[in-house]
C-alpha cells in the first residue's frame, strides 16, 4: 500500500510539472513556439496573463505564467512581436492573479 501511495504521489507531481505554464522569452522569432503581442487594453487580449513569482503557482493553462531563466526549463518559448498583426497570441498582463483567464478559448491550443 505504501508503494502505491508513493507512486501516486510521484505521478501527481509529474502531472503538475508538465501542466505548468513555464515560459521563456527567446531573442529570435524563429526559435519561438508562439509569437506574442502585449496589448494595453484588456478587451483586445486573447489571454489575460498574470506573472507568477513561483513555478508552483503557474499551474494549468489559465494564464498563470512563470518566466524561467533557461530555455530548457520552459514548456513554451515565446517571442514578443512589435505589431499585433505578427502575433499568434495577444496578451494583457494583469496585476491580479484572479484576473488571469482566456478571453478567446479558440486560441488555448497555442499554450498546451
PDB file of N, CA and C in Angstrom:
ATOM      1  N   UNK A   1       0.822  -1.192   0.000  1.00  0.00           N
ATOM      2  CA  UNK A   1       0.000   0.000   0.000  1.00  0.00           C
ATOM      3  C   UNK A   1       0.873   1.266   0.000  1.00  0.00           C
ATOM      4  N   UNK A   2       1.937   1.226   0.799  1.00  0.00           N
ATOM      5  CA  UNK A   2       2.833   2.370   0.889  1.00  0.00           C
ATOM      6  C   UNK A   2       3.481   2.667  -0.465  1.00  0.00           C
ATOM      7  N   UNK A   3       3.805   1.596  -1.196  1.00  0.00           N
ATOM      8  CA  UNK A   3       4.425   1.735  -2.507  1.00  0.00           C
ATOM      9  C   UNK A   3       3.465   2.396  -3.498  1.00  0.00           C
ATOM     10  N   UNK A   4       2.201   2.024  -3.447  1.00  0.00           N
ATOM     11  CA  UNK A   4       1.184   2.598  -4.332  1.00  0.00           C
ATOM     12  C   UNK A   4       1.016   4.083  -4.054  1.00  0.00           C
ATOM     13  N   UNK A   5       0.980   4.445  -2.794  1.00  0.00           N
ATOM     14  CA  UNK A   5       0.842   5.852  -2.409  1.00  0.00           C
ATOM     15  C   UNK A   5       2.041   6.652  -2.920  1.00  0.00           C
ATOM     16  N   UNK A   6       3.230   6.088  -2.809  1.00  0.00           N
ATOM     17  CA  UNK A   6       4.442   6.768  -3.290  1.00  0.00           C
ATOM     18  C   UNK A   6       4.405   6.961  -4.797  1.00  0.00           C
ATOM     19  N   UNK A   7       3.966   5.949  -5.512  1.00  0.00           N
ATOM     20  CA  UNK A   7       3.870   6.036  -6.967  1.00  0.00           C
ATOM     21  C   UNK A   7       2.837   7.085  -7.367  1.00  0.00           C
ATOM     22  N   UNK A   8       1.695   7.091  -6.699  1.00  0.00           N
ATOM     23  CA  UNK A   8       0.661   8.083  -6.991  1.00  0.00           C
ATOM     24  C   UNK A   8       1.162   9.502  -6.721  1.00  0.00           C
ATOM     25  N   UNK A   9       1.895   9.683  -5.642  1.00  0.00           N
ATOM     26  CA  UNK A   9       2.449  10.996  -5.321  1.00  0.00           C
ATOM     27  C   UNK A   9       3.409  11.463  -6.408  1.00  0.00           C
ATOM     28  N   UNK A  10       4.228  10.558  -6.907  1.00  0.00           N
ATOM     29  CA  UNK A  10       5.154  10.895  -7.994  1.00  0.00           C
ATOM     30  C   UNK A  10       4.408  11.255  -9.273  1.00  0.00           C
ATOM     31  N   UNK A  11       3.352  10.520  -9.585  1.00  0.00           N
ATOM     32  CA  UNK A  11       2.561  10.811 -10.781  1.00  0.00           C
ATOM     33  C   UNK A  11       1.886  12.172 -10.690  1.00  0.00           C
ATOM     34  N   UNK A  12       1.362  12.506  -9.531  1.00  0.00           N
ATOM     35  CA  UNK A  12       0.730  13.812  -9.328  1.00  0.00           C
ATOM     36  C   UNK A  12       1.760  14.929  -9.478  1.00  0.00           C
ATOM     37  N   UNK A  13       2.927  14.747  -8.904  1.00  0.00           N
ATOM     38  CA  UNK A  13       3.989  15.749  -9.018  1.00  0.00           C
ATOM     39  C   UNK A  13       4.424  15.913 -10.462  1.00  0.00           C
ATOM     40  N   UNK A  14       4.541  14.810 -11.192  1.00  0.00           N
ATOM     41  CA  UNK A  14       4.923  14.871 -12.599  1.00  0.00           C
ATOM     42  C   UNK A  14       3.851  15.581 -13.412  1.00  0.00           C
ATOM     43  N   UNK A  15       2.593  15.265 -13.173  1.00  0.00           N
ATOM     44  CA  UNK A  15       1.491  15.897 -13.905  1.00  0.00           C
ATOM     45  C   UNK A  15       1.463  17.395 -13.651  1.00  0.00           C
ATOM     46  N   UNK A  16       1.731  17.814 -12.434  1.00  0.00           N
ATOM     47  CA  UNK A  16       1.758  19.244 -12.109  1.00  0.00           C
ATOM     48  C   UNK A  16       2.894  19.942 -12.842  1.00  0.00           C
ATOM     49  N   UNK A  17       4.040  19.302 -12.910  1.00  0.00           N
ATOM     50  CA  UNK A  17       5.181  19.892 -13.606  1.00  0.00           C
ATOM     51  C   UNK A  17       4.924  19.998 -15.097  1.00  0.00           C
ATOM     52  N   UNK A  18       4.280  19.000 -15.670  1.00  0.00           N
ATOM     53  CA  UNK A  18       4.006  19.006 -17.102  1.00  0.00           C
ATOM     54  C   UNK A  18       3.009  20.095 -17.471  1.00  0.00           C
ATOM     55  N   UNK A  19       2.040  20.338 -16.627  1.00  0.00           N
ATOM     56  CA  UNK A  19       0.999  21.307 -16.956  1.00  0.00           C
ATOM     57  C   UNK A  19       1.360  22.736 -16.575  1.00  0.00           C
ATOM     58  N   UNK A  20       2.476  22.925 -15.946  1.00  0.00           N
ATOM     59  CA  UNK A  20       2.869  24.273 -15.529  1.00  0.00           C
ATOM     60  C   UNK A  20       3.112  25.148 -16.747  1.00  0.00           C
ATOM     61  N   UNK A  21       2.675  26.387 -16.675  1.00  0.00           N
ATOM     62  CA  UNK A  21       2.878  27.335 -17.757  1.00  0.00           C
ATOM     63  C   UNK A  21       4.195  28.072 -17.543  1.00  0.00           C
ATOM     64  N   UNK A  22       5.266  27.361 -17.808  1.00  0.00           N
ATOM     65  CA  UNK A  22       6.592  27.965 -17.725  1.00  0.00           C
ATOM     66  C   UNK A  22       6.958  28.461 -19.115  1.00  0.00           C
ATOM     67  N   UNK A  23       7.363  29.704 -19.195  1.00  0.00           N
ATOM     68  CA  UNK A  23       7.680  30.307 -20.483  1.00  0.00           C
ATOM     69  C   UNK A  23       9.075  30.911 -20.465  1.00  0.00           C
ATOM     70  N   UNK A  24       9.649  30.951 -21.643  1.00  0.00           N
ATOM     71  CA  UNK A  24      10.969  31.549 -21.826  1.00  0.00           C
ATOM     72  C   UNK A  24      10.860  32.493 -23.011  1.00  0.00           C
ATOM     73  N   UNK A  25      11.350  33.694 -22.850  1.00  0.00           N
ATOM     74  CA  UNK A  25      11.319  34.689 -23.912  1.00  0.00           C
ATOM     75  C   UNK A  25      12.579  34.561 -24.757  1.00  0.00           C
ATOM     76  N   UNK A  26      12.402  34.151 -26.013  1.00  0.00           N
ATOM     77  CA  UNK A  26      13.537  33.961 -26.917  1.00  0.00           C
ATOM     78  C   UNK A  26      13.864  35.261 -27.652  1.00  0.00           C
ATOM     79  N   UNK A  27      15.073  35.336 -28.174  1.00  0.00           N
ATOM     80  CA  UNK A  27      15.539  36.538 -28.865  1.00  0.00           C
ATOM     81  C   UNK A  27      15.221  36.551 -30.355  1.00  0.00           C
ATOM     82  N   UNK A  28      14.924  35.365 -30.894  1.00  0.00           N
ATOM     83  CA  UNK A  28      14.672  35.260 -32.326  1.00  0.00           C
ATOM     84  C   UNK A  28      13.310  34.633 -32.588  1.00  0.00           C
ATOM     85  N   UNK A  29      12.579  35.237 -33.504  1.00  0.00           N
ATOM     86  CA  UNK A  29      11.238  34.767 -33.856  1.00  0.00           C
ATOM     87  C   UNK A  29      11.256  33.301 -34.284  1.00  0.00           C
ATOM     88  N   UNK A  30      12.284  32.892 -34.989  1.00  0.00           N
ATOM     89  CA  UNK A  30      12.367  31.520 -35.492  1.00  0.00           C
ATOM     90  C   UNK A  30      12.525  30.475 -34.382  1.00  0.00           C
ATOM     91  N   UNK A  31      12.948  30.908 -33.194  1.00  0.00           N
ATOM     92  CA  UNK A  31      13.110  29.993 -32.050  1.00  0.00           C
ATOM     93  C   UNK A  31      11.819  29.818 -31.248  1.00  0.00           C
ATOM     94  N   UNK A  32      10.810  30.610 -31.563  1.00  0.00           N
ATOM     95  CA  UNK A  32       9.597  30.646 -30.736  1.00  0.00           C
ATOM     96  C   UNK A  32       8.580  29.584 -31.121  1.00  0.00           C
ATOM     97  N   UNK A  33       7.874  29.103 -30.097  1.00  0.00           N
ATOM     98  CA  UNK A  33       6.699  28.257 -30.305  1.00  0.00           C
ATOM     99  C   UNK A  33       5.490  29.137 -30.604  1.00  0.00           C
ATOM    100  N   UNK A  34       5.457  30.299 -29.942  1.00  0.00           N
ATOM    101  CA  UNK A  34       4.325  31.219 -30.061  1.00  0.00           C
ATOM    102  C   UNK A  34       4.848  32.652 -30.141  1.00  0.00           C
ATOM    103  N   UNK A  35       4.299  33.405 -31.101  1.00  0.00           N
ATOM    104  CA  UNK A  35       4.621  34.831 -31.214  1.00  0.00           C
ATOM    105  C   UNK A  35       3.542  35.604 -30.462  1.00  0.00           C
ATOM    106  N   UNK A  36       3.970  36.478 -29.552  1.00  0.00           N
ATOM    107  CA  UNK A  36       3.065  37.139 -28.618  1.00  0.00           C
ATOM    108  C   UNK A  36       3.138  38.657 -28.770  1.00  0.00           C
ATOM    109  N   UNK A  37       1.973  39.271 -28.753  1.00  0.00           N
ATOM    110  CA  UNK A  37       1.878  40.733 -28.735  1.00  0.00           C
ATOM    111  C   UNK A  37       1.239  41.140 -27.418  1.00  0.00           C
ATOM    112  N   UNK A  38       1.812  42.144 -26.764  1.00  0.00           N
ATOM    113  CA  UNK A  38       1.277  42.635 -25.494  1.00  0.00           C
ATOM    114  C   UNK A  38       0.450  43.884 -25.768  1.00  0.00           C
ATOM    115  N   UNK A  39      -0.817  43.837 -25.396  1.00  0.00           N
ATOM    116  CA  UNK A  39      -1.714  44.968 -25.577  1.00  0.00           C
ATOM    117  C   UNK A  39      -1.910  45.711 -24.263  1.00  0.00           C
ATOM    118  N   UNK A  40      -2.249  46.978 -24.369  1.00  0.00           N
ATOM    119  CA  UNK A  40      -2.539  47.783 -23.183  1.00  0.00           C
ATOM    120  C   UNK A  40      -4.022  47.750 -22.827  1.00  0.00           C
ATOM    121  N   UNK A  41      -4.813  47.111 -23.684  1.00  0.00           N
ATOM    122  CA  UNK A  41      -6.255  47.043 -23.465  1.00  0.00           C
ATOM    123  C   UNK A  41      -6.690  45.603 -23.220  1.00  0.00           C
ATOM    124  N   UNK A  42      -7.218  45.363 -22.062  1.00  0.00           N
ATOM    125  CA  UNK A  42      -7.673  44.021 -21.690  1.00  0.00           C
ATOM    126  C   UNK A  42      -8.698  43.482 -22.680  1.00  0.00           C
ATOM    127  N   UNK A  43      -9.533  44.341 -23.210  1.00  0.00           N
ATOM    128  CA  UNK A  43     -10.588  43.908 -24.130  1.00  0.00           C
ATOM    129  C   UNK A  43     -10.042  43.420 -25.467  1.00  0.00           C
ATOM    130  N   UNK A  44      -8.814  43.771 -25.816  1.00  0.00           N
ATOM    131  CA  UNK A  44      -8.188  43.329 -27.063  1.00  0.00           C
ATOM    132  C   UNK A  44      -7.477  41.980 -26.925  1.00  0.00           C
ATOM    133  N   UNK A  45      -7.330  41.503 -25.700  1.00  0.00           N
ATOM    134  CA  UNK A  45      -6.498  40.324 -25.434  1.00  0.00           C
ATOM    135  C   UNK A  45      -7.214  39.008 -25.714  1.00  0.00           C
ATOM    136  N   UNK A  46      -6.422  38.041 -26.194  1.00  0.00           N
ATOM    137  CA  UNK A  46      -6.889  36.662 -26.293  1.00  0.00           C
ATOM    138  C   UNK A  46      -6.757  35.996 -24.925  1.00  0.00           C
ATOM    139  N   UNK A  47      -5.725  36.423 -24.197  1.00  0.00           N
ATOM    140  CA  UNK A  47      -5.397  35.831 -22.899  1.00  0.00           C
ATOM    141  C   UNK A  47      -4.955  36.914 -21.930  1.00  0.00           C
ATOM    142  N   UNK A  48      -5.505  36.892 -20.735  1.00  0.00           N
ATOM    143  CA  UNK A  48      -5.069  37.780 -19.654  1.00  0.00           C
ATOM    144  C   UNK A  48      -4.070  36.987 -18.827  1.00  0.00           C
ATOM    145  N   UNK A  49      -2.847  37.524 -18.711  1.00  0.00           N
ATOM    146  CA  UNK A  49      -1.738  36.801 -18.092  1.00  0.00           C
ATOM    147  C   UNK A  49      -1.326  37.446 -16.775  1.00  0.00           C
ATOM    148  N   UNK A  50      -1.115  36.593 -15.784  1.00  0.00           N
ATOM    149  CA  UNK A  50      -0.540  37.021 -14.509  1.00  0.00           C
ATOM    150  C   UNK A  50       0.831  36.370 -14.391  1.00  0.00           C
ATOM    151  N   UNK A  51       1.851  37.185 -14.126  1.00  0.00           N
ATOM    152  CA  UNK A  51       3.209  36.664 -13.952  1.00  0.00           C
ATOM    153  C   UNK A  51       3.373  36.160 -12.528  1.00  0.00           C
ATOM    154  N   UNK A  52       3.594  34.866 -12.404  1.00  0.00           N
ATOM    155  CA  UNK A  52       3.781  34.232 -11.099  1.00  0.00           C
ATOM    156  C   UNK A  52       5.252  34.283 -10.694  1.00  0.00           C
ATOM    157  N   UNK A  53       5.481  34.510  -9.432  1.00  0.00           N
ATOM    158  CA  UNK A  53       6.843  34.527  -8.904  1.00  0.00           C
ATOM    159  C   UNK A  53       7.415  33.128  -8.750  1.00  0.00           C
ATOM    160  N   UNK A  54       6.536  32.155  -8.556  1.00  0.00           N
ATOM    161  CA  UNK A  54       6.959  30.781  -8.310  1.00  0.00           C
ATOM    162  C   UNK A  54       6.371  29.842  -9.350  1.00  0.00           C
ATOM    163  N   UNK A  55       7.182  28.897  -9.793  1.00  0.00           N
ATOM    164  CA  UNK A  55       6.747  27.915 -10.785  1.00  0.00           C
ATOM    165  C   UNK A  55       5.522  27.151 -10.299  1.00  0.00           C
ATOM    166  N   UNK A  56       5.491  26.851  -9.027  1.00  0.00           N
ATOM    167  CA  UNK A  56       4.377  26.078  -8.468  1.00  0.00           C
ATOM    168  C   UNK A  56       3.039  26.811  -8.551  1.00  0.00           C
ATOM    169  N   UNK A  57       3.067  28.125  -8.700  1.00  0.00           N
ATOM    170  CA  UNK A  57       1.829  28.906  -8.824  1.00  0.00           C
ATOM    171  C   UNK A  57       1.293  28.923 -10.255  1.00  0.00           C
ATOM    172  N   UNK A  58       2.119  28.545 -11.209  1.00  0.00           N
ATOM    173  CA  UNK A  58       1.757  28.633 -12.627  1.00  0.00           C
ATOM    174  C   UNK A  58       1.239  27.299 -13.132  1.00  0.00           C
ATOM    175  N   UNK A  59       0.117  26.870 -12.619  1.00  0.00           N
ATOM    176  CA  UNK A  59      -0.447  25.569 -12.967  1.00  0.00           C
ATOM    177  C   UNK A  59      -1.539  25.694 -14.016  1.00  0.00           C
ATOM    178  N   UNK A  60      -1.608  24.681 -14.864  1.00  0.00           N
ATOM    179  CA  UNK A  60      -2.668  24.619 -15.860  1.00  0.00           C
ATOM    180  C   UNK A  60      -2.465  25.602 -16.993  1.00  0.00           C
ATOM    181  N   UNK A  61      -3.453  25.702 -17.837  1.00  0.00           N
ATOM    182  CA  UNK A  61      -3.419  26.597 -18.991  1.00  0.00           C
ATOM    183  C   UNK A  61      -4.446  27.701 -18.766  1.00  0.00           C
ATOM    184  N   UNK A  62      -4.193  28.515 -17.733  1.00  0.00           N
ATOM    185  CA  UNK A  62      -5.163  29.519 -17.302  1.00  0.00           C
ATOM    186  C   UNK A  62      -4.636  30.944 -17.373  1.00  0.00           C
ATOM    187  N   UNK A  63      -3.446  31.125 -17.929  1.00  0.00           N
ATOM    188  CA  UNK A  63      -2.875  32.465 -17.984  1.00  0.00           C
ATOM    189  C   UNK A  63      -1.973  32.783 -16.806  1.00  0.00           C
ATOM    190  N   UNK A  64      -1.613  31.777 -16.049  1.00  0.00           N
ATOM    191  CA  UNK A  64      -0.679  31.942 -14.941  1.00  0.00           C
ATOM    192  C   UNK A  64       0.692  31.520 -15.448  1.00  0.00           C
ATOM    193  N   UNK A  65       1.547  32.485 -15.747  1.00  0.00           N
ATOM    194  CA  UNK A  65       2.845  32.217 -16.360  1.00  0.00           C
ATOM    195  C   UNK A  65       3.977  32.453 -15.379  1.00  0.00           C
ATOM    196  N   UNK A  66       4.949  31.577 -15.459  1.00  0.00           N
ATOM    197  CA  UNK A  66       6.203  31.757 -14.714  1.00  0.00           C
ATOM    198  C   UNK A  66       7.326  31.805 -15.746  1.00  0.00           C
ATOM    199  N   UNK A  67       8.049  32.917 -15.773  1.00  0.00           N
ATOM    200  CA  UNK A  67       9.158  33.072 -16.702  1.00  0.00           C
ATOM    201  C   UNK A  67      10.400  32.415 -16.107  1.00  0.00           C
ATOM    202  N   UNK A  68      11.004  31.511 -16.881  1.00  0.00           N
ATOM    203  CA  UNK A  68      12.192  30.793 -16.429  1.00  0.00           C
ATOM    204  C   UNK A  68      13.439  31.398 -17.056  1.00  0.00           C
ATOM    205  N   UNK A  69      14.577  31.114 -16.445  1.00  0.00           N
ATOM    206  CA  UNK A  69      15.844  31.682 -16.910  1.00  0.00           C
ATOM    207  C   UNK A  69      16.512  30.867 -18.009  1.00  0.00           C
ATOM    208  N   UNK A  70      16.077  29.622 -18.181  1.00  0.00           N
ATOM    209  CA  UNK A  70      16.706  28.747 -19.164  1.00  0.00           C
ATOM    210  C   UNK A  70      15.659  28.177 -20.109  1.00  0.00           C
ATOM    211  N   UNK A  71      15.980  28.208 -21.386  1.00  0.00           N
ATOM    212  CA  UNK A  71      15.080  27.717 -22.421  1.00  0.00           C
ATOM    213  C   UNK A  71      14.665  26.268 -22.165  1.00  0.00           C
ATOM    214  N   UNK A  72      15.587  25.465 -21.686  1.00  0.00           N
ATOM    215  CA  UNK A  72      15.313  24.041 -21.455  1.00  0.00           C
ATOM    216  C   UNK A  72      14.308  23.808 -20.322  1.00  0.00           C
ATOM    217  N   UNK A  73      14.097  24.796 -19.468  1.00  0.00           N
ATOM    218  CA  UNK A  73      13.142  24.673 -18.359  1.00  0.00           C
ATOM    219  C   UNK A  73      11.724  25.090 -18.748  1.00  0.00           C
ATOM    220  N   UNK A  74      11.572  25.634 -19.945  1.00  0.00           N
ATOM    221  CA  UNK A  74      10.281  26.185 -20.357  1.00  0.00           C
ATOM    222  C   UNK A  74       9.416  25.172 -21.070  1.00  0.00           C
ATOM    223  N   UNK A  75       8.123  25.282 -20.820  1.00  0.00           N
ATOM    224  CA  UNK A  75       7.167  24.489 -21.588  1.00  0.00           C
ATOM    225  C   UNK A  75       6.937  25.145 -22.942  1.00  0.00           C
ATOM    226  N   UNK A  76       6.928  26.473 -22.967  1.00  0.00           N
ATOM    227  CA  UNK A  76       6.724  27.218 -24.209  1.00  0.00           C
ATOM    228  C   UNK A  76       7.781  28.304 -24.347  1.00  0.00           C
ATOM    229  N   UNK A  77       8.271  28.445 -25.571  1.00  0.00           N
ATOM    230  CA  UNK A  77       9.197  29.528 -25.897  1.00  0.00           C
ATOM    231  C   UNK A  77       8.388  30.576 -26.646  1.00  0.00           C
ATOM    232  N   UNK A  78       8.442  31.800 -26.157  1.00  0.00           N
ATOM    233  CA  UNK A  78       7.660  32.865 -26.776  1.00  0.00           C
ATOM    234  C   UNK A  78       8.575  33.966 -27.295  1.00  0.00           C
ATOM    235  N   UNK A  79       8.075  34.648 -28.299  1.00  0.00           N
ATOM    236  CA  UNK A  79       8.786  35.792 -28.865  1.00  0.00           C
ATOM    237  C   UNK A  79       7.811  36.958 -28.864  1.00  0.00           C
ATOM    238  N   UNK A  80       8.227  38.078 -28.283  1.00  0.00           N
ATOM    239  CA  UNK A  80       7.375  39.254 -28.232  1.00  0.00           C
ATOM    240  C   UNK A  80       7.536  40.049 -29.523  1.00  0.00           C
ATOM    241  N   UNK A  81       6.440  40.196 -30.260  1.00  0.00           N
ATOM    242  CA  UNK A  81       6.457  40.931 -31.521  1.00  0.00           C
ATOM    243  C   UNK A  81       6.051  42.381 -31.298  1.00  0.00           C
ATOM    244  N   UNK A  82       6.439  43.216 -32.233  1.00  0.00           N
ATOM    245  CA  UNK A  82       6.160  44.651 -32.129  1.00  0.00           C
ATOM    246  C   UNK A  82       4.769  45.012 -32.641  1.00  0.00           C
ATOM    247  N   UNK A  83       4.263  44.209 -33.581  1.00  0.00           N
ATOM    248  CA  UNK A  83       2.976  44.510 -34.207  1.00  0.00           C
ATOM    249  C   UNK A  83       1.965  43.399 -33.957  1.00  0.00           C
ATOM    250  N   UNK A  84       0.758  43.795 -33.644  1.00  0.00           N
ATOM    251  CA  UNK A  84      -0.329  42.858 -33.356  1.00  0.00           C
ATOM    252  C   UNK A  84      -0.571  41.899 -34.523  1.00  0.00           C
ATOM    253  N   UNK A  85      -0.430  42.390 -35.730  1.00  0.00           N
ATOM    254  CA  UNK A  85      -0.678  41.569 -36.914  1.00  0.00           C
ATOM    255  C   UNK A  85       0.332  40.427 -37.082  1.00  0.00           C
ATOM    256  N   UNK A  86       1.473  40.525 -36.416  1.00  0.00           N
ATOM    257  CA  UNK A  86       2.505  39.484 -36.479  1.00  0.00           C
ATOM    258  C   UNK A  86       2.321  38.402 -35.408  1.00  0.00           C
ATOM    259  N   UNK A  87       1.367  38.598 -34.527  1.00  0.00           N
ATOM    260  CA  UNK A  87       1.224  37.725 -33.352  1.00  0.00           C
ATOM    261  C   UNK A  87       0.303  36.538 -33.592  1.00  0.00           C
ATOM    262  N   UNK A  88       0.655  35.442 -32.917  1.00  0.00           N
ATOM    263  CA  UNK A  88      -0.242  34.290 -32.834  1.00  0.00           C
ATOM    264  C   UNK A  88      -1.220  34.499 -31.684  1.00  0.00           C
ATOM    265  N   UNK A  89      -0.741  35.197 -30.661  1.00  0.00           N
ATOM    266  CA  UNK A  89      -1.488  35.363 -29.420  1.00  0.00           C
ATOM    267  C   UNK A  89      -1.337  36.794 -28.905  1.00  0.00           C
ATOM    268  N   UNK A  90      -2.451  37.412 -28.557  1.00  0.00           N
ATOM    269  CA  UNK A  90      -2.449  38.758 -27.980  1.00  0.00           C
ATOM    270  C   UNK A  90      -2.726  38.621 -26.488  1.00  0.00           C
ATOM    271  N   UNK A  91      -1.817  39.169 -25.675  1.00  0.00           N
ATOM    272  CA  UNK A  91      -1.981  39.045 -24.224  1.00  0.00           C
ATOM    273  C   UNK A  91      -2.045  40.407 -23.559  1.00  0.00           C
ATOM    274  N   UNK A  92      -2.597  40.387 -22.374  1.00  0.00           N
ATOM    275  CA  UNK A  92      -2.652  41.562 -21.499  1.00  0.00           C
ATOM    276  C   UNK A  92      -2.112  41.112 -20.153  1.00  0.00           C
ATOM    277  N   UNK A  93      -1.118  41.831 -19.628  1.00  0.00           N
ATOM    278  CA  UNK A  93      -0.577  41.498 -18.310  1.00  0.00           C
ATOM    279  C   UNK A  93      -1.413  42.185 -17.230  1.00  0.00           C
ATOM    280  N   UNK A  94      -1.852  41.398 -16.270  1.00  0.00           N
ATOM    281  CA  UNK A  94      -2.632  41.908 -15.149  1.00  0.00           C
ATOM    282  C   UNK A  94      -1.804  41.862 -13.869  1.00  0.00           C
ATOM    283  N   UNK A  95      -2.181  42.678 -12.914  1.00  0.00           N
ATOM    284  CA  UNK A  95      -1.522  42.686 -11.603  1.00  0.00           C
ATOM    285  C   UNK A  95      -2.216  41.766 -10.606  1.00  0.00           C
ATOM    286  N   UNK A  96      -3.314  41.145 -11.038  1.00  0.00           N
ATOM    287  CA  UNK A  96      -4.112  40.324 -10.129  1.00  0.00           C
ATOM    288  C   UNK A  96      -4.243  38.897 -10.646  1.00  0.00           C
ATOM    289  N   UNK A  97      -3.832  37.956  -9.839  1.00  0.00           N
ATOM    290  CA  UNK A  97      -3.879  36.536 -10.195  1.00  0.00           C
ATOM    291  C   UNK A  97      -5.297  36.106 -10.562  1.00  0.00           C
ATOM    292  N   UNK A  98      -6.281  36.627  -9.863  1.00  0.00           N
ATOM    293  CA  UNK A  98      -7.674  36.234 -10.100  1.00  0.00           C
ATOM    294  C   UNK A  98      -8.206  36.706 -11.457  1.00  0.00           C
ATOM    295  N   UNK A  99      -7.535  37.648 -12.101  1.00  0.00           N
ATOM    296  CA  UNK A  99      -7.963  38.148 -13.419  1.00  0.00           C
ATOM    297  C   UNK A  99      -7.465  37.283 -14.576  1.00  0.00           C
ATOM    298  N   UNK A 100      -6.496  36.427 -14.323  1.00  0.00           N
ATOM    299  CA  UNK A 100      -5.912  35.617 -15.389  1.00  0.00           C
ATOM    300  C   UNK A 100      -6.970  34.674 -15.966  1.00  0.00           C
ATOM    301  N   UNK A 101      -7.129  34.709 -17.301  1.00  0.00           N
ATOM    302  CA  UNK A 101      -8.112  33.843 -17.955  1.00  0.00           C
ATOM    303  C   UNK A 101      -7.985  33.955 -19.472  1.00  0.00           C
ATOM    304  N   UNK A 102      -8.560  32.966 -20.134  1.00  0.00           N
ATOM    305  CA  UNK A 102      -8.667  33.010 -21.587  1.00  0.00           C
ATOM    306  C   UNK A 102      -9.896  33.813 -21.951  1.00  0.00           C
ATOM    307  N   UNK A 103      -9.727  34.758 -22.850  1.00  0.00           N
ATOM    308  CA  UNK A 103     -10.855  35.542 -23.357  1.00  0.00           C
ATOM    309  C   UNK A 103     -11.306  34.988 -24.705  1.00  0.00           C
ATOM    310  N   UNK A 104     -10.398  34.337 -25.398  1.00  0.00           N
ATOM    311  CA  UNK A 104     -10.717  33.691 -26.679  1.00  0.00           C
ATOM    312  C   UNK A 104     -10.211  32.245 -26.605  1.00  0.00           C
ATOM    313  N   UNK A 105     -11.099  31.374 -26.188  1.00  0.00           N
ATOM    314  CA  UNK A 105     -10.724  29.976 -25.918  1.00  0.00           C
ATOM    315  C   UNK A 105     -10.267  29.220 -27.159  1.00  0.00           C
ATOM    316  N   UNK A 106     -10.603  29.699 -28.352  1.00  0.00           N
ATOM    317  CA  UNK A 106     -10.166  29.017 -29.563  1.00  0.00           C
ATOM    318  C   UNK A 106      -8.646  29.081 -29.761  1.00  0.00           C
ATOM    319  N   UNK A 107      -7.968  29.898 -28.955  1.00  0.00           N
ATOM    320  CA  UNK A 107      -6.512  30.007 -29.045  1.00  0.00           C
ATOM    321  C   UNK A 107      -5.800  29.251 -27.921  1.00  0.00           C
ATOM    322  N   UNK A 108      -6.541  28.584 -27.071  1.00  0.00           N
ATOM    323  CA  UNK A 108      -5.957  27.851 -25.942  1.00  0.00           C
ATOM    324  C   UNK A 108      -4.922  26.828 -26.378  1.00  0.00           C
ATOM    325  N   UNK A 109      -5.120  26.231 -27.520  1.00  0.00           N
ATOM    326  CA  UNK A 109      -4.209  25.186 -28.000  1.00  0.00           C
ATOM    327  C   UNK A 109      -2.780  25.701 -28.168  1.00  0.00           C
ATOM    328  N   UNK A 110      -2.611  26.984 -28.342  1.00  0.00           N
ATOM    329  CA  UNK A 110      -1.276  27.569 -28.534  1.00  0.00           C
ATOM    330  C   UNK A 110      -0.379  27.376 -27.307  1.00  0.00           C
ATOM    331  N   UNK A 111      -0.978  27.286 -26.134  1.00  0.00           N
ATOM    332  CA  UNK A 111      -0.187  27.181 -24.910  1.00  0.00           C
ATOM    333  C   UNK A 111      -0.214  25.784 -24.284  1.00  0.00           C
ATOM    334  N   UNK A 112      -0.759  24.806 -24.988  1.00  0.00           N
ATOM    335  CA  UNK A 112      -0.703  23.422 -24.482  1.00  0.00           C
ATOM    336  C   UNK A 112       0.612  22.800 -24.818  1.00  0.00           C
TER     337      UNK A 112
END
